[in-house]
Structures are given as structure tokens and as C-alpha cells.
């Protein structure tokens, strides 16, 4: 893990062993564990991968499994402004729908860090299906899908949209470059959500590797909220649930805080009061309703 300064690392490590700061038993322990894994994996007998298997990577079966993983990891956080009036599943045959947000048509953002590049990247960095493309694939042939990354007031007001899907979130990152003291939605995401939701019934999809701040006034305005985490290349896993082909089964693996001031926040804290508690997650259908 020190590729650019390994000579200095080796020099320092040898010095620390010779001066007794690091014992030889500690060195032996580390080497033994590394060698054990290599022997078990057969890397000494077969040091290289089998190039004939390259065409299998990303095959249909792999993508179907990835799609399943996406839909099973989604967490439905809000569904309707009233318990008696659910918003999801979305109608596939709506006349006209609006898709907006920085993360609606960006596979790089869906994948996050450690994808193609160390810190990931933006755009169509690999084969896959964006959320927008998945929506276009899922709706009826007569449904018009209007995509505007950052729609103006005029577009929102004059569009006569049945509903809107707004996908927002973070840019890809890895390790320390993801550290932020401000965990609000980047790219003025809250402003965009508010602008759209003030005029059109709105579902918000949050694409991020962690909870982000959802202000009370934003949560109140929107009709539904889904945490998609970092779904990767298979956007159809998201629309599988949005349009009712599969129900949501995911639960929060962390507590979703109200504001950054609450961090760190853990179950059992004296003043534990998250926006959504650990283990929270809604379903669209009752067990007696089945799928749409």
C-alpha cells in the first residue's frame, strides 16, 4: 500500500527491526498469514488468471445477479404524504414524467469510488444502465420521459407532468477524499428537490455511500424517498422496485441522522433521535396484496 515510496518504507522497516522497535516474531506473523492465503488460493501453482474466462466477466448472468443485489439493497424511507395514500409503485403508463437530477443519467456516480479509477469518475465510465435509461426501458411505449438535469421553473410548471423522479447524491470518492464536515446534498440538491416537488408529485432517489442531510421542509414536500446507496452499473434494479415489479426489502444498516451535528449517532445513545432509525425500511405492499 506504499507503491510510490516503497524504498523508503523498506529502509525504515529494516531499521525498526534492527533497533528492536518491531520484533521478528511480528514480521514472521505477518508473512505467515500472507503465505497461508497464497497457498490456499493456489497462487503459486497458478500465478495468473485464466484469460479464457475474460468473456464471462459481465455476462448476462452476472448482470442479473447484480440487478438483484441492487433491488434488495434499496431502502424505502417514505411512501406518500399520508399513511393512507401511498405514492409507490409508480404508474408505468403515465402520460408524461419528468426525470431530473445530477445522478439520473450518470453511471460513474452510481458506481462510486474504486471503479475503473481509484476515486471513480463521472459519466459512462463502464457498461451499464443509468437510472434514466432504466426508467425509459420500464415505462409504457406511450409514456413521454422528459429528462432535464436541472429543470427551470418554466419547464416544471408548463410540463403537465404526472410525476417526477429526482436522483441526487454525492460525487465518487475513496478514502480521505470523501471526508466532509457538511453532509448536505451536493450540487444544491435540496434546492432542486424543493423546486420540483413544489409543482409536481415527486420521488427522490438518493445515490450515496452514506446518509445525507434531508431537511424537514424537503422531506415534507416530497412524496417518496428511496436510499439507493451506490447501485453500480445495473440501474434496472432500481426501477424493478419503483414500478412495482418487486417490493422493497432493504433495511437501514445505519441510523440516518437529522443533521451533521448529531454525529456520531448510535442506537442506545441517551439522546438517540435520528430521522430514520437503524433497521428502518418500508414495504410497498402488504403480504395479502402481492405485486402490481
C-alpha atoms as a PDB file:
ATOM      1  CA  UNK A   1       0.000   0.000   0.000  1.00  0.00           C
ATOM      2  CA  UNK A   2       3.011   2.288  -0.387  1.00  0.00           C
ATOM      3  CA  UNK A   3       3.725   1.991  -4.121  1.00  0.00           C
ATOM      4  CA  UNK A   4       5.359   5.382  -4.594  1.00  0.00           C
ATOM      5  CA  UNK A   5       7.683   5.297  -1.546  1.00  0.00           C
ATOM      6  CA  UNK A   6       8.372   1.608  -1.084  1.00  0.00           C
ATOM      7  CA  UNK A   7      12.156   2.086  -0.991  1.00  0.00           C
ATOM      8  CA  UNK A   8      11.829   4.446   1.971  1.00  0.00           C
ATOM      9  CA  UNK A   9       9.353   2.069   3.633  1.00  0.00           C
ATOM     10  CA  UNK A  10      11.758  -0.878   3.297  1.00  0.00           C
ATOM     11  CA  UNK A  11      14.613   1.198   4.675  1.00  0.00           C
ATOM     12  CA  UNK A  12      12.573   2.318   7.685  1.00  0.00           C
ATOM     13  CA  UNK A  13      11.164  -1.163   8.340  1.00  0.00           C
ATOM     14  CA  UNK A  14      14.616  -2.756   8.371  1.00  0.00           C
ATOM     15  CA  UNK A  15      15.855  -0.020  10.705  1.00  0.00           C
ATOM     16  CA  UNK A  16      12.945  -0.573  13.119  1.00  0.00           C
ATOM     17  CA  UNK A  17      13.580  -4.314  13.192  1.00  0.00           C
ATOM     18  CA  UNK A  18      17.317  -3.870  13.752  1.00  0.00           C
ATOM     19  CA  UNK A  19      16.691  -1.440  16.622  1.00  0.00           C
ATOM     20  CA  UNK A  20      14.127  -3.758  18.207  1.00  0.00           C
ATOM     21  CA  UNK A  21      11.141  -1.444  17.726  1.00  0.00           C
ATOM     22  CA  UNK A  22       9.482  -4.187  15.662  1.00  0.00           C
ATOM     23  CA  UNK A  23      10.148  -7.802  16.651  1.00  0.00           C
ATOM     24  CA  UNK A  24      10.990 -10.552  14.174  1.00  0.00           C
ATOM     25  CA  UNK A  25       8.064 -12.524  15.549  1.00  0.00           C
ATOM     26  CA  UNK A  26       5.766  -9.744  14.355  1.00  0.00           C
ATOM     27  CA  UNK A  27       7.335  -9.919  10.891  1.00  0.00           C
ATOM     28  CA  UNK A  28       7.014 -13.722  10.850  1.00  0.00           C
ATOM     29  CA  UNK A  29       3.368 -13.478  11.892  1.00  0.00           C
ATOM     30  CA  UNK A  30       2.513 -11.118   9.026  1.00  0.00           C
ATOM     31  CA  UNK A  31       4.428 -13.119   6.425  1.00  0.00           C
ATOM     32  CA  UNK A  32       2.947 -16.404   7.627  1.00  0.00           C
ATOM     33  CA  UNK A  33      -0.613 -15.121   7.219  1.00  0.00           C
ATOM     34  CA  UNK A  34       0.095 -13.789   3.740  1.00  0.00           C
ATOM     35  CA  UNK A  35       1.722 -17.050   2.629  1.00  0.00           C
ATOM     36  CA  UNK A  36      -1.102 -19.113   4.105  1.00  0.00           C
ATOM     37  CA  UNK A  37      -3.672 -17.313   1.952  1.00  0.00           C
ATOM     38  CA  UNK A  38      -1.491 -17.669  -1.135  1.00  0.00           C
ATOM     39  CA  UNK A  39      -1.019 -21.402  -0.598  1.00  0.00           C
ATOM     40  CA  UNK A  40      -4.742 -21.955  -0.007  1.00  0.00           C
ATOM     41  CA  UNK A  41      -5.676 -19.956  -3.108  1.00  0.00           C
ATOM     42  CA  UNK A  42      -3.190 -21.879  -5.265  1.00  0.00           C
ATOM     43  CA  UNK A  43      -1.464 -18.745  -6.478  1.00  0.00           C
ATOM     44  CA  UNK A  44       1.958 -20.411  -6.508  1.00  0.00           C
ATOM     45  CA  UNK A  45       0.735 -23.245  -8.746  1.00  0.00           C
ATOM     46  CA  UNK A  46      -1.409 -20.925 -10.899  1.00  0.00           C
ATOM     47  CA  UNK A  47       0.041 -17.419 -10.605  1.00  0.00           C
ATOM     48  CA  UNK A  48      -2.019 -15.971 -13.464  1.00  0.00           C
ATOM     49  CA  UNK A  49      -5.759 -15.822 -14.108  1.00  0.00           C
ATOM     50  CA  UNK A  50      -7.320 -17.802 -16.932  1.00  0.00           C
ATOM     51  CA  UNK A  51      -7.709 -15.396 -19.877  1.00  0.00           C
ATOM     52  CA  UNK A  52     -10.290 -17.707 -21.461  1.00  0.00           C
ATOM     53  CA  UNK A  53     -12.723 -16.641 -18.721  1.00  0.00           C
ATOM     54  CA  UNK A  54     -12.492 -12.958 -19.623  1.00  0.00           C
ATOM     55  CA  UNK A  55     -15.556 -13.090 -21.851  1.00  0.00           C
ATOM     56  CA  UNK A  56     -17.599 -14.409 -18.926  1.00  0.00           C
ATOM     57  CA  UNK A  57     -16.998 -11.259 -16.850  1.00  0.00           C
ATOM     58  CA  UNK A  58     -20.051  -9.043 -17.145  1.00  0.00           C
ATOM     59  CA  UNK A  59     -22.116 -11.748 -18.833  1.00  0.00           C
ATOM     60  CA  UNK A  60     -25.916 -11.805 -18.654  1.00  0.00           C
ATOM     61  CA  UNK A  61     -25.949 -13.998 -15.532  1.00  0.00           C
ATOM     62  CA  UNK A  62     -23.543 -11.637 -13.751  1.00  0.00           C
ATOM     63  CA  UNK A  63     -25.657  -8.592 -14.586  1.00  0.00           C
ATOM     64  CA  UNK A  64     -28.866 -10.282 -13.498  1.00  0.00           C
ATOM     65  CA  UNK A  65     -27.264 -11.114 -10.157  1.00  0.00           C
ATOM     66  CA  UNK A  66     -26.014  -7.520  -9.816  1.00  0.00           C
ATOM     67  CA  UNK A  67     -29.519  -6.258 -10.645  1.00  0.00           C
ATOM     68  CA  UNK A  68     -30.968  -8.484  -7.923  1.00  0.00           C
ATOM     69  CA  UNK A  69     -28.408  -7.152  -5.439  1.00  0.00           C
ATOM     70  CA  UNK A  70     -29.440  -3.586  -6.310  1.00  0.00           C
ATOM     71  CA  UNK A  71     -33.145  -4.066  -5.702  1.00  0.00           C
ATOM     72  CA  UNK A  72     -32.557  -5.998  -2.482  1.00  0.00           C
ATOM     73  CA  UNK A  73     -30.335  -3.234  -1.089  1.00  0.00           C
ATOM     74  CA  UNK A  74     -32.716  -0.335  -1.787  1.00  0.00           C
ATOM     75  CA  UNK A  75     -34.374   1.161   1.291  1.00  0.00           C
ATOM     76  CA  UNK A  76     -37.783   2.809   1.012  1.00  0.00           C
ATOM     77  CA  UNK A  77     -37.794   5.658   3.541  1.00  0.00           C
ATOM     78  CA  UNK A  78     -41.031   7.445   2.638  1.00  0.00           C
ATOM     79  CA  UNK A  79     -44.040   6.407   0.587  1.00  0.00           C
ATOM     80  CA  UNK A  80     -46.785   9.006   0.487  1.00  0.00           C
ATOM     81  CA  UNK A  81     -47.525  12.143   2.434  1.00  0.00           C
ATOM     82  CA  UNK A  82     -50.189  10.235   4.345  1.00  0.00           C
ATOM     83  CA  UNK A  83     -50.106   6.629   5.516  1.00  0.00           C
ATOM     84  CA  UNK A  84     -53.442   6.050   3.827  1.00  0.00           C
ATOM     85  CA  UNK A  85     -52.220   7.414   0.470  1.00  0.00           C
ATOM     86  CA  UNK A  86     -49.094   5.651  -0.803  1.00  0.00           C
ATOM     87  CA  UNK A  87     -47.174   7.085  -3.757  1.00  0.00           C
ATOM     88  CA  UNK A  88     -45.316   3.992  -4.957  1.00  0.00           C
ATOM     89  CA  UNK A  89     -45.413   1.965  -7.082  1.00  0.00           C
ATOM     90  CA  UNK A  90     -45.235   4.445  -9.925  1.00  0.00           C
ATOM     91  CA  UNK A  91     -47.589   4.127 -12.871  1.00  0.00           C
ATOM     92  CA  UNK A  92     -45.845   2.737 -15.946  1.00  0.00           C
ATOM     93  CA  UNK A  93     -48.410   4.216 -18.310  1.00  0.00           C
ATOM     94  CA  UNK A  94     -48.367   7.810 -17.098  1.00  0.00           C
ATOM     95  CA  UNK A  95     -48.714  10.337 -19.916  1.00  0.00           C
ATOM     96  CA  UNK A  96     -45.625  12.433 -19.198  1.00  0.00           C
ATOM     97  CA  UNK A  97     -42.983  12.199 -16.478  1.00  0.00           C
ATOM     98  CA  UNK A  98     -40.011  14.345 -15.529  1.00  0.00           C
ATOM     99  CA  UNK A  99     -36.623  12.856 -14.676  1.00  0.00           C
ATOM    100  CA  UNK A 100     -34.141  15.285 -13.117  1.00  0.00           C
ATOM    101  CA  UNK A 101     -31.008  15.492 -11.002  1.00  0.00           C
ATOM    102  CA  UNK A 102     -27.258  15.100 -11.316  1.00  0.00           C
ATOM    103  CA  UNK A 103     -27.424  11.357 -10.689  1.00  0.00           C
ATOM    104  CA  UNK A 104     -30.238  10.430 -13.077  1.00  0.00           C
ATOM    105  CA  UNK A 105     -28.004   9.684 -16.048  1.00  0.00           C
ATOM    106  CA  UNK A 106     -24.519   9.063 -14.669  1.00  0.00           C
ATOM    107  CA  UNK A 107     -23.202   5.521 -14.294  1.00  0.00           C
ATOM    108  CA  UNK A 108     -19.967   6.814 -12.813  1.00  0.00           C
ATOM    109  CA  UNK A 109     -21.877   8.425  -9.959  1.00  0.00           C
ATOM    110  CA  UNK A 110     -23.891   5.228  -9.483  1.00  0.00           C
ATOM    111  CA  UNK A 111     -20.693   3.196  -9.112  1.00  0.00           C
ATOM    112  CA  UNK A 112     -18.846   5.482  -6.697  1.00  0.00           C
ATOM    113  CA  UNK A 113     -15.176   5.144  -5.836  1.00  0.00           C
ATOM    114  CA  UNK A 114     -12.850   2.218  -6.576  1.00  0.00           C
ATOM    115  CA  UNK A 115     -14.454   1.826 -10.010  1.00  0.00           C
ATOM    116  CA  UNK A 116     -12.216   1.995 -13.113  1.00  0.00           C
ATOM    117  CA  UNK A 117     -10.217   4.703 -11.307  1.00  0.00           C
ATOM    118  CA  UNK A 118      -9.185   4.973  -7.650  1.00  0.00           C
ATOM    119  CA  UNK A 119     -11.710   7.679  -6.837  1.00  0.00           C
ATOM    120  CA  UNK A 120     -14.189   6.685  -9.514  1.00  0.00           C
ATOM    121  CA  UNK A 121     -15.324   9.137 -12.161  1.00  0.00           C
ATOM    122  CA  UNK A 122     -18.312  10.782 -13.802  1.00  0.00           C
ATOM    123  CA  UNK A 123     -20.226   9.723 -16.897  1.00  0.00           C
ATOM    124  CA  UNK A 124     -20.457   6.461 -18.812  1.00  0.00           C
ATOM    125  CA  UNK A 125     -17.248   5.006 -17.421  1.00  0.00           C
ATOM    126  CA  UNK A 126     -18.315   1.381 -17.910  1.00  0.00           C
ATOM    127  CA  UNK A 127     -21.038  -0.697 -19.480  1.00  0.00           C
ATOM    128  CA  UNK A 128     -24.338  -0.486 -17.676  1.00  0.00           C
ATOM    129  CA  UNK A 129     -27.716   1.150 -17.364  1.00  0.00           C
ATOM    130  CA  UNK A 130     -28.272   4.550 -15.783  1.00  0.00           C
ATOM    131  CA  UNK A 131     -31.376   5.331 -13.746  1.00  0.00           C
ATOM    132  CA  UNK A 132     -32.752   7.374 -16.655  1.00  0.00           C
ATOM    133  CA  UNK A 133     -32.178   4.548 -19.126  1.00  0.00           C
ATOM    134  CA  UNK A 134     -33.835   2.101 -16.736  1.00  0.00           C
ATOM    135  CA  UNK A 135     -36.884   4.379 -16.449  1.00  0.00           C
ATOM    136  CA  UNK A 136     -37.108   4.697 -20.231  1.00  0.00           C
ATOM    137  CA  UNK A 137     -36.934   0.914 -20.503  1.00  0.00           C
ATOM    138  CA  UNK A 138     -39.575   0.333 -17.824  1.00  0.00           C
ATOM    139  CA  UNK A 139     -42.401   2.713 -18.762  1.00  0.00           C
ATOM    140  CA  UNK A 140     -45.082   2.156 -21.379  1.00  0.00           C
ATOM    141  CA  UNK A 141     -44.465   2.890 -25.050  1.00  0.00           C
ATOM    142  CA  UNK A 142     -46.807   5.895 -24.981  1.00  0.00           C
ATOM    143  CA  UNK A 143     -45.239   7.463 -21.885  1.00  0.00           C
ATOM    144  CA  UNK A 144     -43.109  10.501 -22.629  1.00  0.00           C
ATOM    145  CA  UNK A 145     -39.984  10.739 -20.457  1.00  0.00           C
ATOM    146  CA  UNK A 146     -38.608  14.270 -20.246  1.00  0.00           C
ATOM    147  CA  UNK A 147     -35.045  14.476 -18.909  1.00  0.00           C
ATOM    148  CA  UNK A 148     -33.637  17.736 -17.602  1.00  0.00           C
ATOM    149  CA  UNK A 149     -30.676  17.516 -15.224  1.00  0.00           C
ATOM    150  CA  UNK A 150     -31.578  20.878 -13.690  1.00  0.00           C
ATOM    151  CA  UNK A 151     -35.031  21.915 -14.960  1.00  0.00           C
ATOM    152  CA  UNK A 152     -36.114  25.542 -14.863  1.00  0.00           C
ATOM    153  CA  UNK A 153     -39.272  26.785 -13.178  1.00  0.00           C
ATOM    154  CA  UNK A 154     -40.815  27.249 -16.619  1.00  0.00           C
ATOM    155  CA  UNK A 155     -40.198  23.627 -17.639  1.00  0.00           C
ATOM    156  CA  UNK A 156     -41.574  22.326 -14.350  1.00  0.00           C
ATOM    157  CA  UNK A 157     -44.690  24.476 -14.435  1.00  0.00           C
ATOM    158  CA  UNK A 158     -45.565  24.008 -18.107  1.00  0.00           C
ATOM    159  CA  UNK A 159     -44.705  20.341 -18.414  1.00  0.00           C
ATOM    160  CA  UNK A 160     -48.010  18.850 -17.225  1.00  0.00           C
ATOM    161  CA  UNK A 161     -46.074  16.005 -15.627  1.00  0.00           C
ATOM    162  CA  UNK A 162     -47.848  13.128 -13.913  1.00  0.00           C
ATOM    163  CA  UNK A 163     -44.921  12.820 -11.519  1.00  0.00           C
ATOM    164  CA  UNK A 164     -41.188  13.486 -11.249  1.00  0.00           C
ATOM    165  CA  UNK A 165     -38.204  11.325 -10.323  1.00  0.00           C
ATOM    166  CA  UNK A 166     -35.277  13.336  -8.955  1.00  0.00           C
ATOM    167  CA  UNK A 167     -31.962  11.495  -8.488  1.00  0.00           C
ATOM    168  CA  UNK A 168     -29.379  13.306  -6.372  1.00  0.00           C
ATOM    169  CA  UNK A 169     -26.309  12.368  -4.352  1.00  0.00           C
ATOM    170  CA  UNK A 170     -22.558  12.592  -3.919  1.00  0.00           C
ATOM    171  CA  UNK A 171     -19.669  12.506  -6.361  1.00  0.00           C
ATOM    172  CA  UNK A 172     -17.481   9.384  -6.224  1.00  0.00           C
ATOM    173  CA  UNK A 173     -14.670   9.273  -3.686  1.00  0.00           C
ATOM    174  CA  UNK A 174     -12.327   6.896  -1.919  1.00  0.00           C
ATOM    175  CA  UNK A 175     -10.627   7.078   1.460  1.00  0.00           C
ATOM    176  CA  UNK A 176      -9.891  10.514   2.895  1.00  0.00           C
ATOM    177  CA  UNK A 177     -11.053  12.489  -0.127  1.00  0.00           C
ATOM    178  CA  UNK A 178     -14.606  11.629   0.895  1.00  0.00           C
ATOM    179  CA  UNK A 179     -14.257  13.364   4.269  1.00  0.00           C
ATOM    180  CA  UNK A 180     -16.738  16.240   4.581  1.00  0.00           C
ATOM    181  CA  UNK A 181     -17.955  18.260   7.530  1.00  0.00           C
ATOM    182  CA  UNK A 182     -21.013  19.326   5.512  1.00  0.00           C
ATOM    183  CA  UNK A 183     -23.156  16.317   4.585  1.00  0.00           C
ATOM    184  CA  UNK A 184     -25.880  18.215   2.792  1.00  0.00           C
ATOM    185  CA  UNK A 185     -26.815  17.031  -0.706  1.00  0.00           C
ATOM    186  CA  UNK A 186     -24.191  18.341  -3.174  1.00  0.00           C
ATOM    187  CA  UNK A 187     -24.925  20.402  -6.284  1.00  0.00           C
ATOM    188  CA  UNK A 188     -27.699  22.293  -4.432  1.00  0.00           C
ATOM    189  CA  UNK A 189     -29.669  19.069  -4.417  1.00  0.00           C
ATOM    190  CA  UNK A 190     -32.145  20.222  -1.771  1.00  0.00           C
ATOM    191  CA  UNK A 191     -32.970  23.336  -3.799  1.00  0.00           C
ATOM    192  CA  UNK A 192     -33.624  21.251  -6.910  1.00  0.00           C
ATOM    193  CA  UNK A 193     -35.834  18.827  -5.000  1.00  0.00           C
ATOM    194  CA  UNK A 194     -37.836  21.669  -3.479  1.00  0.00           C
ATOM    195  CA  UNK A 195     -38.259  23.415  -6.824  1.00  0.00           C
ATOM    196  CA  UNK A 196     -39.609  20.281  -8.486  1.00  0.00           C
ATOM    197  CA  UNK A 197     -41.670  18.982  -5.563  1.00  0.00           C
ATOM    198  CA  UNK A 198     -43.411  22.339  -5.139  1.00  0.00           C
ATOM    199  CA  UNK A 199     -45.082  21.825  -8.528  1.00  0.00           C
ATOM    200  CA  UNK A 200     -45.051  18.092  -9.301  1.00  0.00           C
ATOM    201  CA  UNK A 201     -45.583  14.941  -7.175  1.00  0.00           C
ATOM    202  CA  UNK A 202     -42.006  13.824  -6.607  1.00  0.00           C
ATOM    203  CA  UNK A 203     -39.997  10.715  -5.798  1.00  0.00           C
ATOM    204  CA  UNK A 204     -36.411  11.352  -4.661  1.00  0.00           C
ATOM    205  CA  UNK A 205     -33.684   8.750  -5.152  1.00  0.00           C
ATOM    206  CA  UNK A 206     -30.533   9.381  -3.103  1.00  0.00           C
ATOM    207  CA  UNK A 207     -27.352   7.895  -4.592  1.00  0.00           C
ATOM    208  CA  UNK A 208     -24.638   7.918  -1.928  1.00  0.00           C
ATOM    209  CA  UNK A 209     -22.370   5.746   0.153  1.00  0.00           C
ATOM    210  CA  UNK A 210     -23.767   7.166   3.395  1.00  0.00           C
ATOM    211  CA  UNK A 211     -26.771   9.101   4.722  1.00  0.00           C
ATOM    212  CA  UNK A 212     -27.045  12.725   3.666  1.00  0.00           C
ATOM    213  CA  UNK A 213     -28.950  15.572   5.321  1.00  0.00           C
ATOM    214  CA  UNK A 214     -32.628  15.653   4.326  1.00  0.00           C
ATOM    215  CA  UNK A 215     -34.011  18.905   5.719  1.00  0.00           C
ATOM    216  CA  UNK A 216     -37.502  18.733   7.329  1.00  0.00           C
ATOM    217  CA  UNK A 217     -39.020  21.090   4.765  1.00  0.00           C
ATOM    218  CA  UNK A 218     -37.627  18.957   1.930  1.00  0.00           C
ATOM    219  CA  UNK A 219     -38.899  15.705   3.431  1.00  0.00           C
ATOM    220  CA  UNK A 220     -42.322  17.286   3.925  1.00  0.00           C
ATOM    221  CA  UNK A 221     -42.620  18.384   0.291  1.00  0.00           C
ATOM    222  CA  UNK A 222     -41.659  15.132  -1.419  1.00  0.00           C
ATOM    223  CA  UNK A 223     -43.994  12.186  -1.872  1.00  0.00           C
ATOM    224  CA  UNK A 224     -41.487   9.334  -1.672  1.00  0.00           C
ATOM    225  CA  UNK A 225     -37.837   8.806  -0.749  1.00  0.00           C
ATOM    226  CA  UNK A 226     -35.530   5.915  -1.634  1.00  0.00           C
ATOM    227  CA  UNK A 227     -31.948   5.336  -0.473  1.00  0.00           C
ATOM    228  CA  UNK A 228     -30.231   3.622  -3.404  1.00  0.00           C
ATOM    229  CA  UNK A 229     -26.711   3.746  -1.923  1.00  0.00           C
ATOM    230  CA  UNK A 230     -24.184   3.056  -4.729  1.00  0.00           C
ATOM    231  CA  UNK A 231     -26.105   0.702  -7.026  1.00  0.00           C
ATOM    232  CA  UNK A 232     -23.374   0.265  -9.612  1.00  0.00           C
ATOM    233  CA  UNK A 233     -23.986  -0.462 -13.259  1.00  0.00           C
ATOM    234  CA  UNK A 234     -27.434  -2.063 -13.108  1.00  0.00           C
ATOM    235  CA  UNK A 235     -29.986   0.752 -12.889  1.00  0.00           C
ATOM    236  CA  UNK A 236     -32.816  -1.644 -13.727  1.00  0.00           C
ATOM    237  CA  UNK A 237     -32.579  -2.952 -10.187  1.00  0.00           C
ATOM    238  CA  UNK A 238     -33.910   0.429  -9.037  1.00  0.00           C
ATOM    239  CA  UNK A 239     -36.832   0.550 -11.452  1.00  0.00           C
ATOM    240  CA  UNK A 240     -37.702  -3.067 -10.597  1.00  0.00           C
ATOM    241  CA  UNK A 241     -38.937  -1.679  -7.277  1.00  0.00           C
ATOM    242  CA  UNK A 242     -40.081   1.810  -8.276  1.00  0.00           C
ATOM    243  CA  UNK A 243     -42.619   0.427 -10.736  1.00  0.00           C
ATOM    244  CA  UNK A 244     -43.797  -2.438  -8.545  1.00  0.00           C
ATOM    245  CA  UNK A 245     -42.274  -5.499 -10.222  1.00  0.00           C
ATOM    246  CA  UNK A 246     -40.577  -6.256  -6.893  1.00  0.00           C
ATOM    247  CA  UNK A 247     -41.213  -4.956  -3.397  1.00  0.00           C
ATOM    248  CA  UNK A 248     -38.622  -3.198  -1.267  1.00  0.00           C
ATOM    249  CA  UNK A 249     -36.895  -5.465   1.257  1.00  0.00           C
ATOM    250  CA  UNK A 250     -33.900  -3.372   2.351  1.00  0.00           C
ATOM    251  CA  UNK A 251     -33.417  -2.010   5.876  1.00  0.00           C
ATOM    252  CA  UNK A 252     -31.106   0.752   7.042  1.00  0.00           C
ATOM    253  CA  UNK A 253     -27.708  -0.630   8.118  1.00  0.00           C
ATOM    254  CA  UNK A 254     -27.019   2.662   9.921  1.00  0.00           C
ATOM    255  CA  UNK A 255     -29.010   5.377  11.655  1.00  0.00           C
ATOM    256  CA  UNK A 256     -29.995   8.180   9.266  1.00  0.00           C
ATOM    257  CA  UNK A 257     -29.192  11.388  11.127  1.00  0.00           C
ATOM    258  CA  UNK A 258     -31.212  14.601  11.031  1.00  0.00           C
ATOM    259  CA  UNK A 259     -28.171  16.858  10.834  1.00  0.00           C
ATOM    260  CA  UNK A 260     -24.408  16.548  10.951  1.00  0.00           C
ATOM    261  CA  UNK A 261     -24.492  17.949  14.487  1.00  0.00           C
ATOM    262  CA  UNK A 262     -25.871  14.594  15.684  1.00  0.00           C
ATOM    263  CA  UNK A 263     -22.805  12.657  14.593  1.00  0.00           C
ATOM    264  CA  UNK A 264     -21.678  10.251  15.811  1.00  0.00           C
ATOM    265  CA  UNK A 265     -25.100   8.672  16.328  1.00  0.00           C
ATOM    266  CA  UNK A 266     -25.691   5.131  17.561  1.00  0.00           C
ATOM    267  CA  UNK A 267     -28.536   3.004  18.820  1.00  0.00           C
ATOM    268  CA  UNK A 268     -28.621   3.252  22.585  1.00  0.00           C
ATOM    269  CA  UNK A 269     -27.384   6.825  22.785  1.00  0.00           C
ATOM    270  CA  UNK A 270     -29.042   8.799  25.570  1.00  0.00           C
ATOM    271  CA  UNK A 271     -30.475  11.284  23.071  1.00  0.00           C
ATOM    272  CA  UNK A 272     -30.998   8.889  20.176  1.00  0.00           C
ATOM    273  CA  UNK A 273     -33.302  10.747  17.785  1.00  0.00           C
ATOM    274  CA  UNK A 274     -32.450  10.004  14.143  1.00  0.00           C
ATOM    275  CA  UNK A 275     -34.502  10.970  11.127  1.00  0.00           C
ATOM    276  CA  UNK A 276     -34.815   7.247  10.379  1.00  0.00           C
ATOM    277  CA  UNK A 277     -33.631   4.667  12.941  1.00  0.00           C
ATOM    278  CA  UNK A 278     -31.277   1.763  12.382  1.00  0.00           C
ATOM    279  CA  UNK A 279     -33.169  -1.117  10.764  1.00  0.00           C
ATOM    280  CA  UNK A 280     -35.867   1.115   9.271  1.00  0.00           C
ATOM    281  CA  UNK A 281     -37.329   0.298   5.853  1.00  0.00           C
ATOM    282  CA  UNK A 282     -40.825   0.340   4.378  1.00  0.00           C
ATOM    283  CA  UNK A 283     -42.578  -2.022   2.003  1.00  0.00           C
ATOM    284  CA  UNK A 284     -44.968  -1.026  -0.754  1.00  0.00           C
ATOM    285  CA  UNK A 285     -47.295  -3.985  -0.460  1.00  0.00           C
ATOM    286  CA  UNK A 286     -48.974  -5.811   2.384  1.00  0.00           C
ATOM    287  CA  UNK A 287     -48.439  -9.552   2.331  1.00  0.00           C
ATOM    288  CA  UNK A 288     -52.010 -10.043   1.104  1.00  0.00           C
ATOM    289  CA  UNK A 289     -51.682  -7.596  -1.786  1.00  0.00           C
ATOM    290  CA  UNK A 290     -48.914  -9.152  -3.847  1.00  0.00           C
ATOM    291  CA  UNK A 291     -47.085  -7.328  -6.612  1.00  0.00           C
ATOM    292  CA  UNK A 292     -48.558  -4.998  -9.163  1.00  0.00           C
END
